[in-house]
Amino acid sequence: KDATGIDAKGRWAEAKALKEFFRENRYPIIFDEAQHGLADKAAVIEYLRAITDHAEVPLILVCHTSEAKRFSKHDHQATRMGCVCELEVATQDDADQYIEELAEVTISADLRAEILRQSNGRYRLMKDAVTTVEQIATKIAITTIALEQVRGIKLCEDLQKKLEQTK
């Protein structure tokens, strides 16, 4: 049983219940790291596509730009893609909204700007920065935190970039 609430016995019953759930609720299915679904003749993607085709909702495949080329080797999948989008880095407005929704403490505008700067607008790094900021706020027992309380602290680190520098 998961977020859908479906507790079906057997693959056929589960697939039928999933099709009906998505048809009724109109949720798209988002498959992150979708390149991993290409194994075994893209069986996972085919399964999800069968659900979304029946439910008439989008199947959104998300992967890093460097992985997108893998889909071109799977004509059956590539020819069914409606569009390819490239995600942009966050703006300050995007970061403000994301941080506010994510954070369990109040983060000042100057600190939100610093989080955006240190993360280069990448959401996973902003998430790491918010975690760091929350840990600092907890340690010093405050519920509102500003840049002055974390000045000079690295709030997040792009480990992929760091690994590339060590090569």
C-alpha atoms as a PDB file:
ATOM      1  CA  LYS A   1       0.000   0.000   0.000  1.00  0.00           C
ATOM      2  CA  ASP A   2       1.372   3.420  -0.883  1.00  0.00           C
ATOM      3  CA  ALA A   3       0.187   7.011  -1.408  1.00  0.00           C
ATOM      4  CA  THR A   4      -2.469   5.729  -3.805  1.00  0.00           C
ATOM      5  CA  GLY A   5      -4.095   3.620  -1.092  1.00  0.00           C
ATOM      6  CA  ILE A   6      -4.219   0.661  -3.477  1.00  0.00           C
ATOM      7  CA  ASP A   7      -3.926  -2.730  -1.825  1.00  0.00           C
ATOM      8  CA  ALA A   8      -4.564  -5.055  -4.758  1.00  0.00           C
ATOM      9  CA  LYS A   9      -3.487  -8.676  -4.894  1.00  0.00           C
ATOM     10  CA  GLY A  10      -1.597  -9.640  -8.033  1.00  0.00           C
ATOM     11  CA  ARG A  11      -0.034  -7.618 -10.839  1.00  0.00           C
ATOM     12  CA  TRP A  12      -3.133  -7.535 -13.056  1.00  0.00           C
ATOM     13  CA  ALA A  13      -5.392  -6.301 -10.234  1.00  0.00           C
ATOM     14  CA  GLU A  14      -2.762  -3.780  -9.190  1.00  0.00           C
ATOM     15  CA  ALA A  15      -2.384  -2.417 -12.728  1.00  0.00           C
ATOM     16  CA  LYS A  16      -6.159  -2.131 -13.131  1.00  0.00           C
ATOM     17  CA  ALA A  17      -6.488  -0.319  -9.791  1.00  0.00           C
ATOM     18  CA  LEU A  18      -3.616   2.043 -10.672  1.00  0.00           C
ATOM     19  CA  LYS A  19      -5.200   2.884 -14.031  1.00  0.00           C
ATOM     20  CA  GLU A  20      -8.468   3.757 -12.313  1.00  0.00           C
ATOM     21  CA  PHE A  21      -6.734   5.745  -9.565  1.00  0.00           C
ATOM     22  CA  PHE A  22      -4.854   7.911 -12.048  1.00  0.00           C
ATOM     23  CA  ARG A  23      -7.910   8.296 -14.302  1.00  0.00           C
ATOM     24  CA  GLU A  24     -10.046   9.483 -11.370  1.00  0.00           C
ATOM     25  CA  ASN A  25      -7.433  11.770  -9.779  1.00  0.00           C
ATOM     26  CA  ARG A  26      -5.826  13.117 -12.972  1.00  0.00           C
ATOM     27  CA  TYR A  27      -2.317  12.959 -11.493  1.00  0.00           C
ATOM     28  CA  PRO A  28       0.582  12.708 -13.920  1.00  0.00           C
ATOM     29  CA  ILE A  29       3.189  10.037 -13.239  1.00  0.00           C
ATOM     30  CA  ILE A  30       6.673  11.490 -12.806  1.00  0.00           C
ATOM     31  CA  PHE A  31       9.562   9.039 -13.145  1.00  0.00           C
ATOM     32  CA  ASP A  32      12.782  10.604 -11.847  1.00  0.00           C
ATOM     33  CA  GLU A  33      16.103   9.085 -12.944  1.00  0.00           C
ATOM     34  CA  ALA A  34      14.108   7.624 -15.842  1.00  0.00           C
ATOM     35  CA  GLN A  35      17.181   6.282 -17.641  1.00  0.00           C
ATOM     36  CA  HIS A  36      17.090   3.413 -15.129  1.00  0.00           C
ATOM     37  CA  GLY A  37      13.736   2.386 -16.590  1.00  0.00           C
ATOM     38  CA  LEU A  38      15.330   1.518 -19.934  1.00  0.00           C
ATOM     39  CA  ALA A  39      16.639  -1.847 -18.737  1.00  0.00           C
ATOM     40  CA  ASP A  40      14.886  -5.029 -19.869  1.00  0.00           C
ATOM     41  CA  LYS A  41      13.488  -3.448 -23.058  1.00  0.00           C
ATOM     42  CA  ALA A  42      12.164  -0.522 -21.000  1.00  0.00           C
ATOM     43  CA  ALA A  43       9.670  -2.787 -19.229  1.00  0.00           C
ATOM     44  CA  VAL A  44       9.173  -0.325 -16.367  1.00  0.00           C
ATOM     45  CA  ILE A  45       8.485   2.563 -18.730  1.00  0.00           C
ATOM     46  CA  GLU A  46       6.107   0.387 -20.770  1.00  0.00           C
ATOM     47  CA  TYR A  47       4.213  -0.523 -17.590  1.00  0.00           C
ATOM     48  CA  LEU A  48       3.898   3.146 -16.606  1.00  0.00           C
ATOM     49  CA  ARG A  49       2.942   4.120 -20.155  1.00  0.00           C
ATOM     50  CA  ALA A  50       0.135   1.557 -20.154  1.00  0.00           C
ATOM     51  CA  ILE A  51      -1.236   3.138 -16.977  1.00  0.00           C
ATOM     52  CA  THR A  52      -0.958   6.708 -18.252  1.00  0.00           C
ATOM     53  CA  ASP A  53      -2.383   5.839 -21.686  1.00  0.00           C
ATOM     54  CA  HIS A  54      -5.453   4.312 -20.055  1.00  0.00           C
ATOM     55  CA  ALA A  55      -5.801   7.114 -17.471  1.00  0.00           C
ATOM     56  CA  GLU A  56      -5.153   9.802 -20.112  1.00  0.00           C
ATOM     57  CA  VAL A  57      -2.554  11.557 -17.950  1.00  0.00           C
ATOM     58  CA  PRO A  58       1.027  12.483 -18.819  1.00  0.00           C
ATOM     59  CA  LEU A  59       4.021  10.302 -18.102  1.00  0.00           C
ATOM     60  CA  ILE A  60       6.921  12.615 -17.323  1.00  0.00           C
ATOM     61  CA  LEU A  61      10.383  11.121 -17.617  1.00  0.00           C
ATOM     62  CA  VAL A  62      13.087  13.075 -15.806  1.00  0.00           C
ATOM     63  CA  CYS A  63      16.796  12.522 -16.165  1.00  0.00           C
ATOM     64  CA  HIS A  64      20.029  14.463 -16.220  1.00  0.00           C
ATOM     65  CA  THR A  65      20.927  16.017 -19.563  1.00  0.00           C
ATOM     66  CA  SER A  66      23.899  13.659 -19.859  1.00  0.00           C
ATOM     67  CA  GLU A  67      21.543  10.647 -19.687  1.00  0.00           C
ATOM     68  CA  ALA A  68      18.943  11.844 -22.238  1.00  0.00           C
ATOM     69  CA  LYS A  69      20.872  10.387 -25.177  1.00  0.00           C
ATOM     70  CA  ARG A  70      20.124   6.881 -23.867  1.00  0.00           C
ATOM     71  CA  PHE A  71      16.497   7.266 -24.955  1.00  0.00           C
ATOM     72  CA  SER A  72      17.482   7.705 -28.611  1.00  0.00           C
ATOM     73  CA  LYS A  73      18.663   4.079 -28.611  1.00  0.00           C
ATOM     74  CA  HIS A  74      15.118   2.981 -27.741  1.00  0.00           C
ATOM     75  CA  ASP A  75      13.058   3.980 -30.777  1.00  0.00           C
ATOM     76  CA  HIS A  76       9.899   2.569 -29.258  1.00  0.00           C
ATOM     77  CA  GLN A  77      10.219   5.040 -26.367  1.00  0.00           C
ATOM     78  CA  ALA A  78      11.855   7.961 -28.176  1.00  0.00           C
ATOM     79  CA  THR A  79       9.154   8.186 -30.843  1.00  0.00           C
ATOM     80  CA  ARG A  80       6.465   8.480 -28.175  1.00  0.00           C
ATOM     81  CA  MET A  81       7.952  11.504 -26.425  1.00  0.00           C
ATOM     82  CA  GLY A  82       5.862  14.609 -26.910  1.00  0.00           C
ATOM     83  CA  CYS A  83       8.584  17.069 -25.997  1.00  0.00           C
ATOM     84  CA  VAL A  84      11.954  17.344 -24.352  1.00  0.00           C
ATOM     85  CA  CYS A  85      12.363  20.089 -21.778  1.00  0.00           C
ATOM     86  CA  GLU A  86      15.450  21.445 -20.165  1.00  0.00           C
ATOM     87  CA  LEU A  87      15.098  22.522 -16.572  1.00  0.00           C
ATOM     88  CA  GLU A  88      16.414  25.962 -15.713  1.00  0.00           C
ATOM     89  CA  VAL A  89      18.143  26.958 -12.515  1.00  0.00           C
ATOM     90  CA  ALA A  90      15.965  28.608  -9.907  1.00  0.00           C
ATOM     91  CA  THR A  91      15.390  32.345  -9.789  1.00  0.00           C
ATOM     92  CA  GLN A  92      15.262  34.192  -6.467  1.00  0.00           C
ATOM     93  CA  ASP A  93      11.457  34.005  -6.542  1.00  0.00           C
ATOM     94  CA  ASP A  94      11.645  30.236  -7.169  1.00  0.00           C
ATOM     95  CA  ALA A  95      14.164  29.826  -4.352  1.00  0.00           C
ATOM     96  CA  ASP A  96      12.098  31.916  -1.924  1.00  0.00           C
ATOM     97  CA  GLN A  97       9.015  29.786  -2.548  1.00  0.00           C
ATOM     98  CA  TYR A  98      10.917  26.487  -2.398  1.00  0.00           C
ATOM     99  CA  ILE A  99      12.785  27.397   0.781  1.00  0.00           C
ATOM    100  CA  GLU A 100       9.651  28.662   2.499  1.00  0.00           C
ATOM    101  CA  GLU A 101       7.773  25.444   1.710  1.00  0.00           C
ATOM    102  CA  LEU A 102      10.704  23.251   2.712  1.00  0.00           C
ATOM    103  CA  ALA A 103      12.104  24.929   5.814  1.00  0.00           C
ATOM    104  CA  GLU A 104      10.873  24.224   9.314  1.00  0.00           C
ATOM    105  CA  VAL A 105      12.409  27.482  10.565  1.00  0.00           C
ATOM    106  CA  THR A 106      11.949  31.014   9.258  1.00  0.00           C
ATOM    107  CA  ILE A 107      14.815  31.926   6.926  1.00  0.00           C
ATOM    108  CA  SER A 108      15.464  35.620   6.310  1.00  0.00           C
ATOM    109  CA  ALA A 109      15.520  37.134   2.814  1.00  0.00           C
ATOM    110  CA  ASP A 110      19.287  37.759   2.959  1.00  0.00           C
ATOM    111  CA  LEU A 111      19.925  34.120   3.892  1.00  0.00           C
ATOM    112  CA  ARG A 112      17.579  32.865   1.146  1.00  0.00           C
ATOM    113  CA  ALA A 113      19.634  34.947  -1.311  1.00  0.00           C
ATOM    114  CA  GLU A 114      22.834  33.365   0.033  1.00  0.00           C
ATOM    115  CA  ILE A 115      21.339  29.889  -0.305  1.00  0.00           C
ATOM    116  CA  LEU A 116      20.508  30.663  -3.947  1.00  0.00           C
ATOM    117  CA  ARG A 117      24.050  31.980  -4.527  1.00  0.00           C
ATOM    118  CA  GLN A 118      25.791  28.988  -2.930  1.00  0.00           C
ATOM    119  CA  SER A 119      23.521  26.452  -4.650  1.00  0.00           C
ATOM    120  CA  ASN A 120      23.760  28.098  -8.076  1.00  0.00           C
ATOM    121  CA  GLY A 121      19.995  27.696  -8.287  1.00  0.00           C
ATOM    122  CA  ARG A 122      20.057  23.898  -8.072  1.00  0.00           C
ATOM    123  CA  TYR A 123      17.183  22.515  -6.043  1.00  0.00           C
ATOM    124  CA  ARG A 124      18.987  19.540  -4.545  1.00  0.00           C
ATOM    125  CA  LEU A 125      21.694  21.871  -3.263  1.00  0.00           C
ATOM    126  CA  MET A 126      19.124  24.331  -1.900  1.00  0.00           C
ATOM    127  CA  LYS A 127      17.576  21.387  -0.038  1.00  0.00           C
ATOM    128  CA  ASP A 128      20.989  20.529   1.431  1.00  0.00           C
ATOM    129  CA  ALA A 129      21.497  24.178   2.423  1.00  0.00           C
ATOM    130  CA  VAL A 130      18.109  24.334   4.151  1.00  0.00           C
ATOM    131  CA  THR A 131      19.011  21.192   6.117  1.00  0.00           C
ATOM    132  CA  THR A 132      22.289  22.805   7.192  1.00  0.00           C
ATOM    133  CA  VAL A 133      20.529  26.032   8.186  1.00  0.00           C
ATOM    134  CA  GLU A 134      17.914  24.102  10.171  1.00  0.00           C
ATOM    135  CA  GLN A 135      20.628  22.186  12.017  1.00  0.00           C
ATOM    136  CA  ILE A 136      22.376  25.440  12.930  1.00  0.00           C
ATOM    137  CA  ALA A 137      19.094  27.007  14.074  1.00  0.00           C
ATOM    138  CA  THR A 138      18.366  23.958  16.248  1.00  0.00           C
ATOM    139  CA  LYS A 139      21.859  24.012  17.729  1.00  0.00           C
ATOM    140  CA  ILE A 140      21.603  27.668  18.748  1.00  0.00           C
ATOM    141  CA  ALA A 141      17.921  27.265  19.751  1.00  0.00           C
ATOM    142  CA  ILE A 142      16.298  29.810  17.407  1.00  0.00           C
ATOM    143  CA  THR A 143      13.280  29.602  15.095  1.00  0.00           C
ATOM    144  CA  THR A 144      14.246  32.496  12.797  1.00  0.00           C
ATOM    145  CA  ILE A 145      17.678  32.576  11.215  1.00  0.00           C
ATOM    146  CA  ALA A 146      19.483  35.208   9.156  1.00  0.00           C
ATOM    147  CA  LEU A 147      22.682  35.444   7.141  1.00  0.00           C
ATOM    148  CA  GLU A 148      24.612  36.985  10.042  1.00  0.00           C
ATOM    149  CA  GLN A 149      24.226  33.745  12.024  1.00  0.00           C
ATOM    150  CA  VAL A 150      25.774  31.588   9.279  1.00  0.00           C
ATOM    151  CA  ARG A 151      28.191  34.030   7.626  1.00  0.00           C
ATOM    152  CA  GLY A 152      31.290  32.210   6.395  1.00  0.00           C
ATOM    153  CA  ILE A 153      29.689  28.752   6.572  1.00  0.00           C
ATOM    154  CA  LYS A 154      29.461  26.589   3.464  1.00  0.00           C
ATOM    155  CA  LEU A 155      25.770  25.669   3.385  1.00  0.00           C
ATOM    156  CA  CYS A 156      25.913  23.160   0.532  1.00  0.00           C
ATOM    157  CA  GLU A 157      28.430  21.587  -1.792  1.00  0.00           C
ATOM    158  CA  ASP A 158      28.119  20.315  -5.331  1.00  0.00           C
ATOM    159  CA  LEU A 159      29.811  16.952  -4.864  1.00  0.00           C
ATOM    160  CA  GLN A 160      29.779  16.173  -8.590  1.00  0.00           C
ATOM    161  CA  LYS A 161      31.741  19.353  -9.291  1.00  0.00           C
ATOM    162  CA  LYS A 162      34.090  18.490  -6.436  1.00  0.00           C
ATOM    163  CA  LEU A 163      34.661  14.991  -7.879  1.00  0.00           C
ATOM    164  CA  GLU A 164      35.392  16.456 -11.315  1.00  0.00           C
ATOM    165  CA  GLN A 165      38.020  18.748  -9.767  1.00  0.00           C
ATOM    166  CA  THR A 166      39.832  15.769  -8.218  1.00  0.00           C
ATOM    167  CA  LYS A 167      40.258  13.980 -11.560  1.00  0.00           C
END
